[in-house]
Amino acid sequence: MNNENILYTFIAGIAIQGNNPFIVQCNCGGEITIMPPMQENQVVCPMCETTIKLLVIEGDPGYVIGQGADGEPTLLTVQGSVEKPINMLSKEEREAILKKVKDNIKGKTNE
């Protein structure tokens, strides 16, 4: 089985600076253990064989804001983060984070 799909995921820079391994999760539920120092810029999911490109973000922002299919801001996972995973956030917590983003966007467009 050779999966030609390519996924991209964000990795917290702090995760690769320590000595502790961390898990990268694929959309299919597969997991890849990354052992610091991280030397690869992509991995292959052992379950679905999808290539996952690893994009390292400085520090640990917790979450990245993306754009959903409806054009609205959405939260994206930063793997290796010490923040609570997105799937563990309550609906209210997610909405509060996204409200701050929307308020920041409105503030910048009004300047």
PDB file of N, CA and C in Angstrom:
ATOM      1  N   MET A   1       0.846  -1.190   0.000  1.00  0.00           N
ATOM      2  CA  MET A   1       0.000   0.000   0.000  1.00  0.00           C
ATOM      3  C   MET A   1       0.882   1.241   0.000  1.00  0.00           C
ATOM      4  N   ASN A   2       0.805   2.045  -1.030  1.00  0.00           N
ATOM      5  CA  ASN A   2       1.595   3.268  -1.112  1.00  0.00           C
ATOM      6  C   ASN A   2       0.629   4.440  -1.216  1.00  0.00           C
ATOM      7  N   ASN A   3       0.542   5.215  -0.169  1.00  0.00           N
ATOM      8  CA  ASN A   3      -0.377   6.339  -0.111  1.00  0.00           C
ATOM      9  C   ASN A   3       0.335   7.570  -0.655  1.00  0.00           C
ATOM     10  N   GLU A   4      -0.235   8.193  -1.661  1.00  0.00           N
ATOM     11  CA  GLU A   4       0.396   9.354  -2.286  1.00  0.00           C
ATOM     12  C   GLU A   4      -0.009  10.668  -1.632  1.00  0.00           C
ATOM     13  N   ASN A   5      -0.877  10.605  -0.608  1.00  0.00           N
ATOM     14  CA  ASN A   5      -1.272  11.824   0.101  1.00  0.00           C
ATOM     15  C   ASN A   5      -0.112  12.368   0.910  1.00  0.00           C
ATOM     16  N   ILE A   6      -0.074  13.685   1.037  1.00  0.00           N
ATOM     17  CA  ILE A   6       0.923  14.331   1.884  1.00  0.00           C
ATOM     18  C   ILE A   6       0.179  15.242   2.846  1.00  0.00           C
ATOM     19  N   LEU A   7       0.442  15.063   4.113  1.00  0.00           N
ATOM     20  CA  LEU A   7      -0.114  15.930   5.151  1.00  0.00           C
ATOM     21  C   LEU A   7       0.996  16.820   5.678  1.00  0.00           C
ATOM     22  N   TYR A   8       0.596  17.920   6.298  1.00  0.00           N
ATOM     23  CA  TYR A   8       1.540  18.813   6.957  1.00  0.00           C
ATOM     24  C   TYR A   8       1.084  18.970   8.392  1.00  0.00           C
ATOM     25  N   THR A   9       2.040  18.994   9.315  1.00  0.00           N
ATOM     26  CA  THR A   9       1.701  19.216  10.711  1.00  0.00           C
ATOM     27  C   THR A   9       2.727  20.153  11.327  1.00  0.00           C
ATOM     28  N   PHE A  10       2.259  20.896  12.314  1.00  0.00           N
ATOM     29  CA  PHE A  10       3.129  21.833  13.024  1.00  0.00           C
ATOM     30  C   PHE A  10       3.701  21.154  14.252  1.00  0.00           C
ATOM     31  N   ILE A  11       4.982  21.399  14.505  1.00  0.00           N
ATOM     32  CA  ILE A  11       5.683  20.846  15.654  1.00  0.00           C
ATOM     33  C   ILE A  11       6.191  22.008  16.500  1.00  0.00           C
ATOM     34  N   ALA A  12       5.943  21.936  17.821  1.00  0.00           N
ATOM     35  CA  ALA A  12       6.453  22.958  18.738  1.00  0.00           C
ATOM     36  C   ALA A  12       7.964  22.836  18.821  1.00  0.00           C
ATOM     37  N   GLY A  13       8.658  23.933  18.568  1.00  0.00           N
ATOM     38  CA  GLY A  13      10.123  23.931  18.623  1.00  0.00           C
ATOM     39  C   GLY A  13      10.660  23.449  19.955  1.00  0.00           C
ATOM     40  N   ILE A  14       9.930  23.757  21.027  1.00  0.00           N
ATOM     41  CA  ILE A  14      10.363  23.326  22.352  1.00  0.00           C
ATOM     42  C   ILE A  14      10.430  21.806  22.466  1.00  0.00           C
ATOM     43  N   ALA A  15       9.595  21.107  21.707  1.00  0.00           N
ATOM     44  CA  ALA A  15       9.554  19.639  21.760  1.00  0.00           C
ATOM     45  C   ALA A  15      10.835  19.013  21.223  1.00  0.00           C
ATOM     46  N   ILE A  16      11.441  19.669  20.242  1.00  0.00           N
ATOM     47  CA  ILE A  16      12.647  19.081  19.651  1.00  0.00           C
ATOM     48  C   ILE A  16      13.915  19.539  20.351  1.00  0.00           C
ATOM     49  N   GLN A  17      13.793  20.478  21.282  1.00  0.00           N
ATOM     50  CA  GLN A  17      14.964  20.967  22.001  1.00  0.00           C
ATOM     51  C   GLN A  17      15.282  20.117  23.224  1.00  0.00           C
ATOM     52  N   GLY A  18      14.292  19.400  23.737  1.00  0.00           N
ATOM     53  CA  GLY A  18      14.511  18.578  24.921  1.00  0.00           C
ATOM     54  C   GLY A  18      15.019  17.204  24.554  1.00  0.00           C
ATOM     55  N   ASN A  19      15.058  16.338  25.551  1.00  0.00           N
ATOM     56  CA  ASN A  19      15.516  14.968  25.341  1.00  0.00           C
ATOM     57  C   ASN A  19      14.379  13.965  25.356  1.00  0.00           C
ATOM     58  N   ASN A  20      13.145  14.443  25.533  1.00  0.00           N
ATOM     59  CA  ASN A  20      12.010  13.541  25.652  1.00  0.00           C
ATOM     60  C   ASN A  20      11.365  13.280  24.295  1.00  0.00           C
ATOM     61  N   PRO A  21      11.058  12.010  24.014  1.00  0.00           N
ATOM     62  CA  PRO A  21      10.349  11.715  22.766  1.00  0.00           C
ATOM     63  C   PRO A  21       8.935  12.295  22.815  1.00  0.00           C
ATOM     64  N   PHE A  22       8.355  12.542  21.650  1.00  0.00           N
ATOM     65  CA  PHE A  22       6.973  12.988  21.575  1.00  0.00           C
ATOM     66  C   PHE A  22       6.306  12.285  20.400  1.00  0.00           C
ATOM     67  N   ILE A  23       4.994  12.329  20.392  1.00  0.00           N
ATOM     68  CA  ILE A  23       4.205  11.608  19.404  1.00  0.00           C
ATOM     69  C   ILE A  23       3.658  12.569  18.352  1.00  0.00           C
ATOM     70  N   VAL A  24       3.765  12.176  17.093  1.00  0.00           N
ATOM     71  CA  VAL A  24       3.092  12.868  16.001  1.00  0.00           C
ATOM     72  C   VAL A  24       1.928  11.977  15.613  1.00  0.00           C
ATOM     73  N   GLN A  25       0.731  12.567  15.601  1.00  0.00           N
ATOM     74  CA  GLN A  25      -0.459  11.797  15.260  1.00  0.00           C
ATOM     75  C   GLN A  25      -0.915  12.104  13.842  1.00  0.00           C
ATOM     76  N   CYS A  26      -1.240  11.057  13.119  1.00  0.00           N
ATOM     77  CA  CYS A  26      -1.777  11.166  11.762  1.00  0.00           C
ATOM     78  C   CYS A  26      -3.292  11.347  11.848  1.00  0.00           C
ATOM     79  N   ASN A  27      -3.883  11.851  10.804  1.00  0.00           N
ATOM     80  CA  ASN A  27      -5.333  12.000  10.754  1.00  0.00           C
ATOM     81  C   ASN A  27      -6.062  10.664  10.885  1.00  0.00           C
ATOM     82  N   CYS A  28      -5.418   9.565  10.508  1.00  0.00           N
ATOM     83  CA  CYS A  28      -6.053   8.249  10.570  1.00  0.00           C
ATOM     84  C   CYS A  28      -6.020   7.652  11.972  1.00  0.00           C
ATOM     85  N   GLY A  29      -5.274   8.298  12.882  1.00  0.00           N
ATOM     86  CA  GLY A  29      -5.124   7.769  14.237  1.00  0.00           C
ATOM     87  C   GLY A  29      -3.775   7.107  14.470  1.00  0.00           C
ATOM     88  N   GLY A  30      -3.020   6.918  13.417  1.00  0.00           N
ATOM     89  CA  GLY A  30      -1.681   6.348  13.555  1.00  0.00           C
ATOM     90  C   GLY A  30      -0.764   7.289  14.313  1.00  0.00           C
ATOM     91  N   GLU A  31       0.251   6.720  14.969  1.00  0.00           N
ATOM     92  CA  GLU A  31       1.187   7.516  15.763  1.00  0.00           C
ATOM     93  C   GLU A  31       2.620   7.199  15.375  1.00  0.00           C
ATOM     94  N   ILE A  32       3.436   8.239  15.355  1.00  0.00           N
ATOM     95  CA  ILE A  32       4.858   8.119  15.068  1.00  0.00           C
ATOM     96  C   ILE A  32       5.602   8.742  16.239  1.00  0.00           C
ATOM     97  N   THR A  33       6.514   8.000  16.845  1.00  0.00           N
ATOM     98  CA  THR A  33       7.311   8.532  17.949  1.00  0.00           C
ATOM     99  C   THR A  33       8.534   9.233  17.385  1.00  0.00           C
ATOM    100  N   ILE A  34       8.707  10.481  17.795  1.00  0.00           N
ATOM    101  CA  ILE A  34       9.862  11.276  17.368  1.00  0.00           C
ATOM    102  C   ILE A  34      10.843  11.331  18.533  1.00  0.00           C
ATOM    103  N   MET A  35      12.073  10.941  18.267  1.00  0.00           N
ATOM    104  CA  MET A  35      13.119  10.943  19.282  1.00  0.00           C
ATOM    105  C   MET A  35      14.059  12.119  19.030  1.00  0.00           C
ATOM    106  N   PRO A  36      14.098  13.088  19.969  1.00  0.00           N
ATOM    107  CA  PRO A  36      15.047  14.196  19.796  1.00  0.00           C
ATOM    108  C   PRO A  36      16.482  13.686  19.844  1.00  0.00           C
ATOM    109  N   PRO A  37      17.405  14.294  19.153  1.00  0.00           N
ATOM    110  CA  PRO A  37      17.162  15.437  18.283  1.00  0.00           C
ATOM    111  C   PRO A  37      16.483  14.990  16.990  1.00  0.00           C
ATOM    112  N   MET A  38      15.457  15.725  16.607  1.00  0.00           N
ATOM    113  CA  MET A  38      14.694  15.403  15.393  1.00  0.00           C
ATOM    114  C   MET A  38      15.580  15.677  14.187  1.00  0.00           C
ATOM    115  N   GLN A  39      15.770  14.655  13.379  1.00  0.00           N
ATOM    116  CA  GLN A  39      16.641  14.805  12.218  1.00  0.00           C
ATOM    117  C   GLN A  39      15.882  14.767  10.901  1.00  0.00           C
ATOM    118  N   GLU A  40      14.642  14.301  10.948  1.00  0.00           N
ATOM    119  CA  GLU A  40      13.877  14.209   9.717  1.00  0.00           C
ATOM    120  C   GLU A  40      12.918  15.381   9.594  1.00  0.00           C
ATOM    121  N   ASN A  41      12.574  15.722   8.363  1.00  0.00           N
ATOM    122  CA  ASN A  41      11.579  16.781   8.160  1.00  0.00           C
ATOM    123  C   ASN A  41      10.262  16.203   7.651  1.00  0.00           C
ATOM    124  N   GLN A  42      10.217  14.878   7.559  1.00  0.00           N
ATOM    125  CA  GLN A  42       8.978  14.204   7.232  1.00  0.00           C
ATOM    126  C   GLN A  42       9.036  12.785   7.780  1.00  0.00           C
ATOM    127  N   VAL A  43       7.851  12.240   8.043  1.00  0.00           N
ATOM    128  CA  VAL A  43       7.728  10.867   8.533  1.00  0.00           C
ATOM    129  C   VAL A  43       6.613  10.193   7.736  1.00  0.00           C
ATOM    130  N   VAL A  44       6.513   8.874   7.864  1.00  0.00           N
ATOM    131  CA  VAL A  44       5.461   8.120   7.188  1.00  0.00           C
ATOM    132  C   VAL A  44       4.639   7.407   8.253  1.00  0.00           C
ATOM    133  N   CYS A  45       3.319   7.562   8.171  1.00  0.00           N
ATOM    134  CA  CYS A  45       2.417   6.920   9.118  1.00  0.00           C
ATOM    135  C   CYS A  45       2.481   5.406   8.936  1.00  0.00           C
ATOM    136  N   PRO A  46       2.682   4.657  10.027  1.00  0.00           N
ATOM    137  CA  PRO A  46       2.760   3.205   9.903  1.00  0.00           C
ATOM    138  C   PRO A  46       1.405   2.550   9.588  1.00  0.00           C
ATOM    139  N   MET A  47       0.305   3.271   9.820  1.00  0.00           N
ATOM    140  CA  MET A  47      -1.011   2.680   9.570  1.00  0.00           C
ATOM    141  C   MET A  47      -1.493   2.895   8.131  1.00  0.00           C
ATOM    142  N   CYS A  48      -1.444   4.140   7.653  1.00  0.00           N
ATOM    143  CA  CYS A  48      -2.010   4.434   6.323  1.00  0.00           C
ATOM    144  C   CYS A  48      -0.945   4.771   5.278  1.00  0.00           C
ATOM    145  N   GLU A  49       0.306   4.857   5.720  1.00  0.00           N
ATOM    146  CA  GLU A  49       1.454   5.145   4.853  1.00  0.00           C
ATOM    147  C   GLU A  49       1.426   6.535   4.221  1.00  0.00           C
ATOM    148  N   THR A  50       0.711   7.462   4.848  1.00  0.00           N
ATOM    149  CA  THR A  50       0.713   8.846   4.384  1.00  0.00           C
ATOM    150  C   THR A  50       2.004   9.517   4.829  1.00  0.00           C
ATOM    151  N   THR A  51       2.599  10.310   3.956  1.00  0.00           N
ATOM    152  CA  THR A  51       3.759  11.112   4.309  1.00  0.00           C
ATOM    153  C   THR A  51       3.271  12.336   5.073  1.00  0.00           C
ATOM    154  N   ILE A  52       3.930  12.612   6.189  1.00  0.00           N
ATOM    155  CA  ILE A  52       3.586  13.777   7.009  1.00  0.00           C
ATOM    156  C   ILE A  52       4.818  14.668   7.073  1.00  0.00           C
ATOM    157  N   LYS A  53       4.705  15.850   6.507  1.00  0.00           N
ATOM    158  CA  LYS A  53       5.807  16.814   6.554  1.00  0.00           C
ATOM    159  C   LYS A  53       5.714  17.580   7.868  1.00  0.00           C
ATOM    160  N   LEU A  54       6.851  17.754   8.524  1.00  0.00           N
ATOM    161  CA  LEU A  54       6.926  18.370   9.845  1.00  0.00           C
ATOM    162  C   LEU A  54       7.410  19.809   9.730  1.00  0.00           C
ATOM    163  N   LEU A  55       6.570  20.747  10.157  1.00  0.00           N
ATOM    164  CA  LEU A  55       6.895  22.166  10.103  1.00  0.00           C
ATOM    165  C   LEU A  55       7.118  22.658  11.531  1.00  0.00           C
ATOM    166  N   VAL A  56       8.357  22.960  11.862  1.00  0.00           N
ATOM    167  CA  VAL A  56       8.705  23.367  13.225  1.00  0.00           C
ATOM    168  C   VAL A  56       8.422  24.849  13.416  1.00  0.00           C
ATOM    169  N   ILE A  57       7.717  25.152  14.505  1.00  0.00           N
ATOM    170  CA  ILE A  57       7.390  26.529  14.877  1.00  0.00           C
ATOM    171  C   ILE A  57       8.192  26.861  16.133  1.00  0.00           C
ATOM    172  N   GLU A  58       8.814  28.014  16.144  1.00  0.00           N
ATOM    173  CA  GLU A  58       9.637  28.428  17.276  1.00  0.00           C
ATOM    174  C   GLU A  58       8.829  28.430  18.572  1.00  0.00           C
ATOM    175  N   GLY A  59       9.444  27.939  19.629  1.00  0.00           N
ATOM    176  CA  GLY A  59       8.819  27.956  20.953  1.00  0.00           C
ATOM    177  C   GLY A  59       7.683  26.972  21.062  1.00  0.00           C
ATOM    178  N   ASP A  60       6.603  27.416  21.692  1.00  0.00           N
ATOM    179  CA  ASP A  60       5.418  26.579  21.872  1.00  0.00           C
ATOM    180  C   ASP A  60       4.178  27.469  21.847  1.00  0.00           C
ATOM    181  N   PRO A  61       3.662  27.756  20.646  1.00  0.00           N
ATOM    182  CA  PRO A  61       2.494  28.627  20.566  1.00  0.00           C
ATOM    183  C   PRO A  61       1.209  27.957  21.037  1.00  0.00           C
ATOM    184  N   GLY A  62       1.233  26.653  21.250  1.00  0.00           N
ATOM    185  CA  GLY A  62       0.047  25.939  21.691  1.00  0.00           C
ATOM    186  C   GLY A  62      -0.859  25.556  20.544  1.00  0.00           C
ATOM    187  N   TYR A  63      -1.277  26.562  19.775  1.00  0.00           N
ATOM    188  CA  TYR A  63      -2.190  26.322  18.657  1.00  0.00           C
ATOM    189  C   TYR A  63      -1.812  27.244  17.506  1.00  0.00           C
ATOM    190  N   VAL A  64      -2.203  26.843  16.319  1.00  0.00           N
ATOM    191  CA  VAL A  64      -2.031  27.663  15.132  1.00  0.00           C
ATOM    192  C   VAL A  64      -3.438  27.926  14.595  1.00  0.00           C
ATOM    193  N   ILE A  65      -3.641  29.107  14.095  1.00  0.00           N
ATOM    194  CA  ILE A  65      -4.936  29.459  13.529  1.00  0.00           C
ATOM    195  C   ILE A  65      -4.895  29.232  12.024  1.00  0.00           C
ATOM    196  N   GLY A  66      -5.854  28.465  11.547  1.00  0.00           N
ATOM    197  CA  GLY A  66      -5.990  28.207  10.122  1.00  0.00           C
ATOM    198  C   GLY A  66      -7.330  28.725   9.644  1.00  0.00           C
ATOM    199  N   GLN A  67      -7.668  28.403   8.426  1.00  0.00           N
ATOM    200  CA  GLN A  67      -8.944  28.823   7.862  1.00  0.00           C
ATOM    201  C   GLN A  67      -9.718  27.588   7.445  1.00  0.00           C
ATOM    202  N   GLY A  68     -10.922  27.459   7.964  1.00  0.00           N
ATOM    203  CA  GLY A  68     -11.775  26.341   7.613  1.00  0.00           C
ATOM    204  C   GLY A  68     -12.346  26.491   6.219  1.00  0.00           C
ATOM    205  N   ALA A  69     -13.006  25.446   5.735  1.00  0.00           N
ATOM    206  CA  ALA A  69     -13.613  25.462   4.401  1.00  0.00           C
ATOM    207  C   ALA A  69     -14.659  26.559   4.263  1.00  0.00           C
ATOM    208  N   ASP A  70     -15.242  26.966   5.403  1.00  0.00           N
ATOM    209  CA  ASP A  70     -16.260  28.023   5.389  1.00  0.00           C
ATOM    210  C   ASP A  70     -15.657  29.422   5.463  1.00  0.00           C
ATOM    211  N   GLY A  71     -14.324  29.497   5.492  1.00  0.00           N
ATOM    212  CA  GLY A  71     -13.642  30.789   5.544  1.00  0.00           C
ATOM    213  C   GLY A  71     -13.435  31.311   6.951  1.00  0.00           C
ATOM    214  N   GLU A  72     -13.969  30.620   7.939  1.00  0.00           N
ATOM    215  CA  GLU A  72     -13.838  31.044   9.331  1.00  0.00           C
ATOM    216  C   GLU A  72     -12.532  30.524   9.930  1.00  0.00           C
ATOM    217  N   PRO A  73     -11.963  31.262  10.902  1.00  0.00           N
ATOM    218  CA  PRO A  73     -10.762  30.774  11.580  1.00  0.00           C
ATOM    219  C   PRO A  73     -11.032  29.451  12.305  1.00  0.00           C
ATOM    220  N   THR A  74     -10.037  28.594  12.313  1.00  0.00           N
ATOM    221  CA  THR A  74     -10.131  27.316  13.009  1.00  0.00           C
ATOM    222  C   THR A  74      -8.807  27.040  13.712  1.00  0.00           C
ATOM    223  N   LEU A  75      -8.836  26.237  14.763  1.00  0.00           N
ATOM    224  CA  LEU A  75      -7.621  25.884  15.491  1.00  0.00           C
ATOM    225  C   LEU A  75      -6.963  24.666  14.859  1.00  0.00           C
ATOM    226  N   LEU A  76      -5.644  24.724  14.737  1.00  0.00           N
ATOM    227  CA  LEU A  76      -4.858  23.604  14.234  1.00  0.00           C
ATOM    228  C   LEU A  76      -3.910  23.149  15.340  1.00  0.00           C
ATOM    229  N   THR A  77      -3.670  21.875  15.380  1.00  0.00           N
ATOM    230  CA  THR A  77      -2.815  21.282  16.396  1.00  0.00           C
ATOM    231  C   THR A  77      -1.352  21.640  16.182  1.00  0.00           C
ATOM    232  N   VAL A  78      -0.658  21.961  17.276  1.00  0.00           N
ATOM    233  CA  VAL A  78       0.795  22.058  17.273  1.00  0.00           C
ATOM    234  C   VAL A  78       1.266  20.862  18.085  1.00  0.00           C
ATOM    235  N   GLN A  79       1.818  19.875  17.378  1.00  0.00           N
ATOM    236  CA  GLN A  79       2.201  18.630  18.041  1.00  0.00           C
ATOM    237  C   GLN A  79       3.473  18.833  18.845  1.00  0.00           C
ATOM    238  N   GLY A  80       3.532  18.148  19.974  1.00  0.00           N
ATOM    239  CA  GLY A  80       4.660  18.300  20.881  1.00  0.00           C
ATOM    240  C   GLY A  80       4.484  19.472  21.827  1.00  0.00           C
ATOM    241  N   SER A  81       3.345  20.159  21.751  1.00  0.00           N
ATOM    242  CA  SER A  81       3.054  21.301  22.616  1.00  0.00           C
ATOM    243  C   SER A  81       2.724  20.813  24.026  1.00  0.00           C
ATOM    244  N   VAL A  82       3.002  21.662  25.010  1.00  0.00           N
ATOM    245  CA  VAL A  82       2.610  21.338  26.385  1.00  0.00           C
ATOM    246  C   VAL A  82       1.188  21.807  26.677  1.00  0.00           C
ATOM    247  N   GLU A  83       0.585  22.546  25.738  1.00  0.00           N
ATOM    248  CA  GLU A  83      -0.797  22.998  25.912  1.00  0.00           C
ATOM    249  C   GLU A  83      -1.764  21.827  25.774  1.00  0.00           C
ATOM    250  N   LYS A  84      -2.957  22.030  26.299  1.00  0.00           N
ATOM    251  CA  LYS A  84      -4.003  21.010  26.192  1.00  0.00           C
ATOM    252  C   LYS A  84      -4.311  20.773  24.712  1.00  0.00           C
ATOM    253  N   PRO A  85      -4.338  19.506  24.270  1.00  0.00           N
ATOM    254  CA  PRO A  85      -4.655  19.228  22.864  1.00  0.00           C
ATOM    255  C   PRO A  85      -6.029  19.776  22.478  1.00  0.00           C
ATOM    256  N   ILE A  86      -6.177  20.170  21.233  1.00  0.00           N
ATOM    257  CA  ILE A  86      -7.418  20.763  20.754  1.00  0.00           C
ATOM    258  C   ILE A  86      -8.606  19.855  21.033  1.00  0.00           C
ATOM    259  N   ASN A  87      -8.425  18.552  20.827  1.00  0.00           N
ATOM    260  CA  ASN A  87      -9.549  17.636  21.035  1.00  0.00           C
ATOM    261  C   ASN A  87      -9.926  17.493  22.514  1.00  0.00           C
ATOM    262  N   MET A  88      -9.105  18.036  23.413  1.00  0.00           N
ATOM    263  CA  MET A  88      -9.403  18.001  24.849  1.00  0.00           C
ATOM    264  C   MET A  88     -10.007  19.321  25.336  1.00  0.00           C
ATOM    265  N   LEU A  89     -10.017  20.337  24.473  1.00  0.00           N
ATOM    266  CA  LEU A  89     -10.611  21.619  24.831  1.00  0.00           C
ATOM    267  C   LEU A  89     -12.130  21.518  24.795  1.00  0.00           C
ATOM    268  N   SER A  90     -12.772  22.194  25.725  1.00  0.00           N
ATOM    269  CA  SER A  90     -14.233  22.254  25.669  1.00  0.00           C
ATOM    270  C   SER A  90     -14.631  23.169  24.518  1.00  0.00           C
ATOM    271  N   LYS A  91     -15.877  23.085  24.116  1.00  0.00           N
ATOM    272  CA  LYS A  91     -16.390  23.951  23.062  1.00  0.00           C
ATOM    273  C   LYS A  91     -16.206  25.409  23.461  1.00  0.00           C
ATOM    274  N   GLU A  92     -16.447  25.718  24.730  1.00  0.00           N
ATOM    275  CA  GLU A  92     -16.316  27.091  25.222  1.00  0.00           C
ATOM    276  C   GLU A  92     -14.869  27.574  25.148  1.00  0.00           C
ATOM    277  N   GLU A  93     -13.924  26.701  25.490  1.00  0.00           N
ATOM    278  CA  GLU A  93     -12.502  27.077  25.421  1.00  0.00           C
ATOM    279  C   GLU A  93     -12.092  27.364  23.976  1.00  0.00           C
ATOM    280  N   ARG A  94     -12.508  26.490  23.051  1.00  0.00           N
ATOM    281  CA  ARG A  94     -12.189  26.713  21.631  1.00  0.00           C
ATOM    282  C   ARG A  94     -12.797  28.021  21.138  1.00  0.00           C
ATOM    283  N   GLU A  95     -14.059  28.258  21.501  1.00  0.00           N
ATOM    284  CA  GLU A  95     -14.731  29.478  21.060  1.00  0.00           C
ATOM    285  C   GLU A  95     -14.058  30.724  21.627  1.00  0.00           C
ATOM    286  N   ALA A  96     -13.582  30.658  22.880  1.00  0.00           N
ATOM    287  CA  ALA A  96     -12.908  31.808  23.489  1.00  0.00           C
ATOM    288  C   ALA A  96     -11.606  32.131  22.750  1.00  0.00           C
ATOM    289  N   ILE A  97     -10.846  31.108  22.402  1.00  0.00           N
ATOM    290  CA  ILE A  97      -9.593  31.323  21.661  1.00  0.00           C
ATOM    291  C   ILE A  97      -9.899  31.929  20.295  1.00  0.00           C
ATOM    292  N   LEU A  98     -10.887  31.372  19.594  1.00  0.00           N
ATOM    293  CA  LEU A  98     -11.231  31.871  18.260  1.00  0.00           C
ATOM    294  C   LEU A  98     -11.819  33.274  18.310  1.00  0.00           C
ATOM    295  N   LYS A  99     -12.533  33.605  19.380  1.00  0.00           N
ATOM    296  CA  LYS A  99     -13.075  34.958  19.531  1.00  0.00           C
ATOM    297  C   LYS A  99     -11.938  35.964  19.625  1.00  0.00           C
ATOM    298  N   LYS A 100     -10.888  35.624  20.381  1.00  0.00           N
ATOM    299  CA  LYS A 100      -9.718  36.509  20.485  1.00  0.00           C
ATOM    300  C   LYS A 100      -9.102  36.731  19.102  1.00  0.00           C
ATOM    301  N   VAL A 101      -9.027  35.658  18.316  1.00  0.00           N
ATOM    302  CA  VAL A 101      -8.458  35.767  16.968  1.00  0.00           C
ATOM    303  C   VAL A 101      -9.308  36.703  16.119  1.00  0.00           C
ATOM    304  N   LYS A 102     -10.607  36.478  16.129  1.00  0.00           N
ATOM    305  CA  LYS A 102     -11.507  37.319  15.331  1.00  0.00           C
ATOM    306  C   LYS A 102     -11.425  38.775  15.774  1.00  0.00           C
ATOM    307  N   ASP A 103     -11.356  39.009  17.094  1.00  0.00           N
ATOM    308  CA  ASP A 103     -11.234  40.380  17.607  1.00  0.00           C
ATOM    309  C   ASP A 103      -9.925  41.019  17.137  1.00  0.00           C
ATOM    310  N   ASN A 104      -8.831  40.240  17.145  1.00  0.00           N
ATOM    311  CA  ASN A 104      -7.539  40.748  16.674  1.00  0.00           C
ATOM    312  C   ASN A 104      -7.590  41.087  15.191  1.00  0.00           C
ATOM    313  N   ILE A 105      -8.251  40.241  14.410  1.00  0.00           N
ATOM    314  CA  ILE A 105      -8.376  40.501  12.966  1.00  0.00           C
ATOM    315  C   ILE A 105      -9.176  41.773  12.737  1.00  0.00           C
ATOM    316  N   LYS A 106     -10.290  41.920  13.436  1.00  0.00           N
ATOM    317  CA  LYS A 106     -11.116  43.131  13.301  1.00  0.00           C
ATOM    318  C   LYS A 106     -10.329  44.368  13.687  1.00  0.00           C
ATOM    319  N   GLY A 107      -9.540  44.268  14.780  1.00  0.00           N
ATOM    320  CA  GLY A 107      -8.747  45.395  15.240  1.00  0.00           C
ATOM    321  C   GLY A 107      -7.713  45.830  14.222  1.00  0.00           C
ATOM    322  N   LYS A 108      -7.105  44.865  13.530  1.00  0.00           N
ATOM    323  CA  LYS A 108      -6.077  45.176  12.528  1.00  0.00           C
ATOM    324  C   LYS A 108      -6.692  45.770  11.272  1.00  0.00           C
ATOM    325  N   THR A 109      -7.900  45.336  10.918  1.00  0.00           N
ATOM    326  CA  THR A 109      -8.520  45.866   9.702  1.00  0.00           C
ATOM    327  C   THR A 109      -9.090  47.257   9.938  1.00  0.00           C
ATOM    328  N   ASN A 110      -9.303  47.645  11.203  1.00  0.00           N
ATOM    329  CA  ASN A 110      -9.835  48.970  11.514  1.00  0.00           C
ATOM    330  C   ASN A 110      -8.728  50.019  11.680  1.00  0.00           C
ATOM    331  N   GLU A 111      -7.489  49.586  11.669  1.00  0.00           N
ATOM    332  CA  GLU A 111      -6.364  50.533  11.867  1.00  0.00           C
ATOM    333  C   GLU A 111      -6.075  51.310  10.617  1.00  0.00           C
TER     334      GLU A 111
END
